[in-house]
Each structure stands twice: as C-alpha cells, then as structure tokens.
Protein backbone atom coordinates (compact mmCIF):
# COMPACT_ATOMS: atom_id res chain seq x y z
CA MET A 1 0.19 -0.07 -0.34
CA ASP A 2 1.56 3.20 -0.96
CA ARG A 3 1.54 6.25 1.53
CA ASP A 4 -1.19 8.05 -0.44
CA THR A 5 -3.77 5.55 -0.18
CA LYS A 6 -3.00 4.57 3.63
CA ILE A 7 -3.20 8.53 4.26
CA ARG A 8 -7.03 8.37 2.59
CA GLU A 9 -7.77 5.51 4.08
CA GLU A 10 -6.78 7.02 7.56
CA LEU A 11 -8.87 10.36 6.73
CA GLU A 12 -12.22 8.33 5.57
CA GLN A 13 -11.63 6.10 9.08
CA LYS A 14 -11.45 9.35 10.81
CA GLU A 15 -14.70 10.59 9.23
CA VAL A 16 -16.52 7.22 10.13
CA ARG A 17 -15.81 7.80 13.49
CA LYS A 18 -17.00 11.36 13.65
CA ILE A 19 -20.00 10.52 11.92
CA ASP A 20 -20.52 7.81 14.34
CA MET A 21 -20.25 9.85 17.21
CA SER A 22 -22.09 12.41 16.40
CA LYS A 23 -24.94 9.86 15.90
CA GLU A 24 -23.93 8.95 19.19
CA LYS A 25 -24.50 12.26 20.47
CA SER A 26 -27.68 13.18 18.73
CA ARG A 27 -29.34 9.73 20.24
CA ALA A 28 -28.50 10.81 23.70
CA GLY A 29 -29.67 13.82 23.41
CA LYS A 30 -33.15 12.58 21.98
CA GLU A 31 -33.23 10.14 24.62
CA LYS A 32 -32.41 13.03 27.77
CA GLN A 33 -35.04 15.21 25.87
CA GLN A 34 -37.61 12.65 26.39
CA LYS A 35 -36.58 11.54 29.66
CA ASP A 36 -36.97 15.36 30.38
CA GLN A 37 -40.48 15.46 28.65
CA THR A 38 -41.73 12.47 30.81
CA LYS A 39 -40.57 13.61 33.99
CA SER A 40 -41.85 17.28 33.12
CA LYS A 41 -45.29 16.20 32.13
CA TRP A 42 -45.63 14.15 35.71
CA SER A 43 -44.17 16.99 37.70
CA ASP A 44 -46.57 19.20 36.06
CA TRP A 45 -49.67 17.08 35.83
CA LEU A 46 -48.85 17.21 39.99
CA PHE A 47 -48.41 20.57 40.47
CA LEU A 48 -51.68 21.58 38.30
CA ARG A 49 -53.19 19.13 40.56
CA ARG A 50 -52.31 19.80 43.91
CA PRO A 51 -54.37 19.56 47.20
CA PRO A 52 -57.97 21.77 46.44
CA ALA A 53 -58.61 23.97 49.41
CA LEU A 54 -62.10 22.17 50.06
CA LEU A 55 -59.52 19.37 51.16
CA ASP A 56 -57.65 21.13 53.82
CA PRO A 57 -59.85 19.79 57.09
CA ILE A 58 -58.53 16.19 56.35
CA ARG A 59 -54.79 17.28 55.33
CA ARG A 60 -54.63 19.00 58.25
CA LEU A 61 -55.11 15.64 60.40
CA PHE A 62 -52.53 14.37 58.38
CA GLU A 63 -50.10 17.30 58.11
CA PRO A 64 -50.88 19.70 60.63
CA PRO A 65 -49.64 23.03 59.90
CA ARG A 66 -48.64 24.52 63.44
CA LYS A 67 -47.13 21.34 64.40
CA LEU A 68 -44.45 22.54 61.45
CA LEU A 69 -44.10 25.93 61.43
CA GLU A 70 -44.18 26.46 65.62
CA PRO A 71 -40.89 25.86 66.73
CA TYR A 72 -39.36 28.41 63.84
CA ILE A 73 -41.72 31.33 64.41
CA LYS A 74 -42.22 33.98 66.69
CA LYS A 75 -44.82 37.14 66.92
CA GLY A 76 -43.25 40.28 64.57
CA GLN A 77 -41.38 38.25 62.08
CA MET A 78 -41.14 39.00 58.65
CA VAL A 79 -41.75 35.13 56.79
CA ALA A 80 -41.84 33.81 53.14
CA ASP A 81 -44.10 31.41 52.03
CA LEU A 82 -42.62 30.65 48.99
CA GLY A 83 -44.81 28.28 46.36
CA CYS A 84 -48.14 28.92 48.67
CA GLY A 85 -50.41 27.60 46.79
CA SER A 86 -54.42 28.56 48.39
CA GLY A 87 -52.64 29.63 51.61
CA TYR A 88 -52.43 26.26 53.92
CA TYR A 89 -49.64 27.54 55.52
CA THR A 90 -50.07 31.08 55.18
CA LEU A 91 -52.84 32.00 56.93
CA PRO A 92 -51.23 29.97 60.18
CA LEU A 93 -48.23 31.72 59.51
CA ALA A 94 -49.93 35.20 59.54
CA GLU A 95 -51.35 34.10 62.63
CA PHE A 96 -48.37 33.15 64.12
CA VAL A 97 -46.19 36.33 63.29
CA GLY A 98 -49.41 38.47 64.56
CA PRO A 99 -50.43 41.97 63.22
CA GLU A 100 -46.62 43.34 63.87
CA GLY A 101 -45.27 40.44 61.49
CA LYS A 102 -45.91 39.99 57.69
CA VAL A 103 -46.24 37.00 55.64
CA TYR A 104 -44.95 37.28 51.58
CA ALA A 105 -47.02 34.55 50.18
CA VAL A 106 -45.62 33.91 46.47
CA ASP A 107 -47.19 31.41 43.51
CA LEU A 108 -46.84 31.17 40.38
CA GLY A 109 -50.74 29.81 39.98
CA LYS A 110 -52.57 32.97 39.55
CA ASN A 111 -55.78 31.18 40.61
CA CYS A 112 -53.96 30.00 43.78
CA ILE A 113 -53.25 33.86 44.64
CA ARG A 114 -56.88 34.75 43.59
CA ALA A 115 -58.18 32.02 46.48
CA LEU A 116 -55.67 32.82 48.79
CA GLU A 117 -56.97 36.78 48.21
CA LYS A 118 -60.43 35.84 48.84
CA LYS A 119 -59.16 33.98 52.27
CA ILE A 120 -57.45 37.03 52.96
CA GLU A 121 -60.32 39.48 52.57
CA LYS A 122 -62.74 36.88 54.19
CA GLY A 123 -60.59 36.49 57.35
CA GLY A 124 -59.71 40.22 57.49
CA TYR A 125 -55.62 39.67 57.62
CA ARG A 126 -53.53 42.77 57.22
CA ASN A 127 -50.31 41.48 57.29
CA ILE A 128 -50.38 39.25 54.32
CA GLU A 129 -48.64 40.23 50.67
CA ALA A 130 -49.71 38.17 47.82
CA HIS A 131 -47.50 37.99 44.62
CA ALA A 132 -48.24 36.15 42.07
CA SER A 133 -44.75 35.49 40.79
CA SER A 134 -42.09 32.82 40.45
CA ALA A 135 -39.95 32.14 43.54
CA SER A 136 -36.84 32.65 41.47
CA ASP A 137 -37.75 36.32 41.12
CA VAL A 138 -39.07 37.92 44.56
CA SER A 139 -37.71 41.44 43.87
CA PHE A 140 -40.34 42.58 45.77
CA ILE A 141 -38.85 41.26 49.13
CA ARG A 142 -35.63 43.18 50.70
CA ASP A 143 -32.37 41.51 51.14
CA ARG A 144 -31.66 40.44 54.34
CA SER A 145 -35.04 40.77 55.65
CA VAL A 146 -36.90 37.67 56.38
CA ASP A 147 -36.98 35.85 58.93
CA PHE A 148 -38.39 32.75 58.46
CA VAL A 149 -38.45 31.05 54.75
CA LEU A 150 -40.92 28.28 54.37
CA ALA A 151 -40.76 26.46 50.82
CA ASN A 152 -42.50 23.32 51.01
CA GLY A 153 -42.55 21.23 48.19
CA LEU A 154 -41.47 24.33 45.98
CA LEU A 155 -37.94 23.10 44.18
CA CYS A 156 -39.15 19.87 43.16
CA SER A 157 -42.21 21.26 41.49
CA MET A 158 -39.80 24.04 39.32
CA ALA A 159 -39.15 22.93 35.78
CA ASP A 160 -36.42 25.56 35.73
CA HIS A 161 -34.60 28.20 37.26
CA ARG A 162 -34.49 26.28 40.31
CA LYS A 163 -31.20 27.57 41.18
CA ALA A 164 -32.25 31.24 40.93
CA ALA A 165 -34.99 30.13 43.40
CA VAL A 166 -32.22 28.94 45.94
CA ASN A 167 -30.76 32.46 45.37
CA GLU A 168 -33.37 34.32 46.19
CA ILE A 169 -33.79 32.56 49.35
CA LYS A 170 -30.23 32.87 50.38
CA ARG A 171 -30.99 37.15 49.38
CA ILE A 172 -33.57 37.49 51.48
CA LEU A 173 -32.96 35.53 54.76
CA LYS A 174 -31.60 37.46 57.43
CA VAL A 175 -28.42 35.82 58.79
CA LYS A 176 -28.96 33.33 61.52
CA ARG A 177 -32.16 33.27 61.13
CA GLN A 178 -33.99 29.50 59.08
CA ALA A 179 -35.39 28.36 55.76
CA TYR A 180 -37.77 25.10 55.85
CA LEU A 181 -36.75 23.68 52.41
CA SER A 182 -38.42 20.09 51.32
CA LEU A 183 -39.59 18.08 48.47
CA GLY A 184 -42.78 16.56 47.61
CA ALA A 185 -40.95 14.13 45.66
CA GLY A 186 -38.60 13.15 43.49
CA PRO A 187 -38.19 11.87 39.82
CA PRO A 188 -40.04 11.22 37.95
CA PHE A 189 -42.89 13.01 39.72
CA GLY A 190 -40.27 15.80 40.81
CA TYR A 191 -37.53 17.42 39.32
CA VAL A 192 -34.81 17.43 41.96
CA ASP A 193 -33.04 14.21 42.37
CA GLN A 194 -30.70 13.41 44.88
CA GLU A 195 -27.12 15.06 43.24
CA GLU A 196 -28.96 18.04 43.10
CA TRP A 197 -30.69 17.94 46.72
CA GLU A 198 -27.18 17.68 48.03
CA LYS A 199 -25.91 20.39 46.11
CA ILE A 200 -28.78 22.67 47.18
CA LEU A 201 -27.92 22.10 50.63
CA GLU A 202 -24.23 22.69 50.15
CA ARG A 203 -24.84 26.43 49.53
CA PHE A 204 -26.28 26.18 52.89
CA ARG A 205 -25.54 25.42 56.85
CA VAL A 206 -27.92 22.34 57.40
CA GLU A 207 -29.50 22.42 61.19
CA GLN A 208 -31.90 19.51 60.83
CA GLY A 209 -32.59 16.67 58.65
CA GLY A 210 -31.17 17.03 54.98
CA SER A 211 -31.14 13.31 53.96
CA TYR A 212 -32.36 12.88 50.79
CA LYS A 213 -34.62 9.88 51.94
CA GLU A 214 -36.08 12.29 54.47
CA LYS A 215 -36.05 15.33 51.91
CA TRP A 216 -36.25 18.11 54.53
CA ALA A 217 -33.95 20.17 55.83
CA VAL A 218 -34.07 23.36 57.93
CA VAL A 219 -31.04 25.32 56.57
CA SER A 220 -29.71 28.97 57.63
CA ILE A 221 -26.70 31.07 55.79
CA LYS A 222 -23.41 29.87 55.91
CA GLN A 223 -20.75 32.40 57.38
CA GLY A 224 -17.29 32.93 57.33
C-alpha cells in the first residue's frame, strides 16, 4: 500500500468515527429530551393537581401546619411562604407572626393567589402580601429582611430556574435565621434528584434533616 492510499484510508476512518460519534450524541440527546419531557409531564400534572382547598380539613389531620411552623416562628417576624398555593400554610403563618409581623405569600399559579386573596379578605388579614410570581424572582422582598422562609414542596415542582430560586432564598434570608426546604417527591414525579438536592444543601448550613430519604431540611446562611 502506497503512502497516499494509507493517508486517504486513515482520513476516511476518522470521518466515519466522527459521524458515529455525532449519531451517538444525537441519540443520547434525544433520549435525554424524552426523559425530561416525561418528567416534566409528571411534575406539571402534580403541580396542577395540588390538593384543593376543600380538602384542607382532611389534610390537617395528617399534616397539621402548626406542628411544622411553631418551632420556627415568633410574633412580629417577617416570613416568606414560597410556593404558597391557596394558603394552607400562609394563614397559620400570619396568625403566628401577628399584626406586627408580615407574610409574603408567593405562587406562580394565579388561580391559587386569587383563592388566597379571597381568604385574606374573608378573614380580615392585614399582614399578608400575596404575589403571583415565580420564586426565582422575588425582587419585591428586600435583601436580608426575612426571618423565616418556607419552601415546602417548592423546588421539586419547578421545571427550571431552581438555582435562581435558591439564590433568592439566600438573598432574602437574614443571617442566623432559618429556611425550611422540602421536596414533595423525587423523579419522575419531581424535578430534583439526589445529586441536585445535595448540591442545594451545600450552599447552606444544614441545621436539621437533610437526607434525600427524608426530603426536608432546616437550613441557614453559611457564615465565613
């Protein structure tokens, strides 16, 4: 075999390998896209079918809001309920902090916020500020102004911008104050897998919980 023929064959082999690698990447990309779409459908299905307010009395038997909130809330505090839904935790939070405190209630679902606003008006609450907004942008809350952040089942229901939501929690939370983070479910029913959960917690000081099996943690801002 002469030198030119050998070089030509080597070039042809390289081109074949490039084509094979391109096909493999394309196939892997399509598989990932299909998995993401499936996970998104499940998560969106769950988000749109959060327990309706009429089931709150039954829910309280198994998930009493006061039991979760009482250890962390004091009168006069500023708190944020991110992913508040129609206010299952928001109203108890408002009662805990009292008229001198304040609750920021944030949810992307406009219907949820409308339902909450009706409850606020009916109950005569003056210490709740409701916003139809993503938790990834709570610019209406000042830096280091919040004593307690409740993000119960929030991050697992966010298809994207989860990192931005974590950034916002860190931004608004006061130093030496706490945030409660929890995942309603892992993949395929939620967006946050174990690796991402652990990376989220690395950005905080974990005070309670933290394991992926438990899927909840009480965290505070890291110092130093």
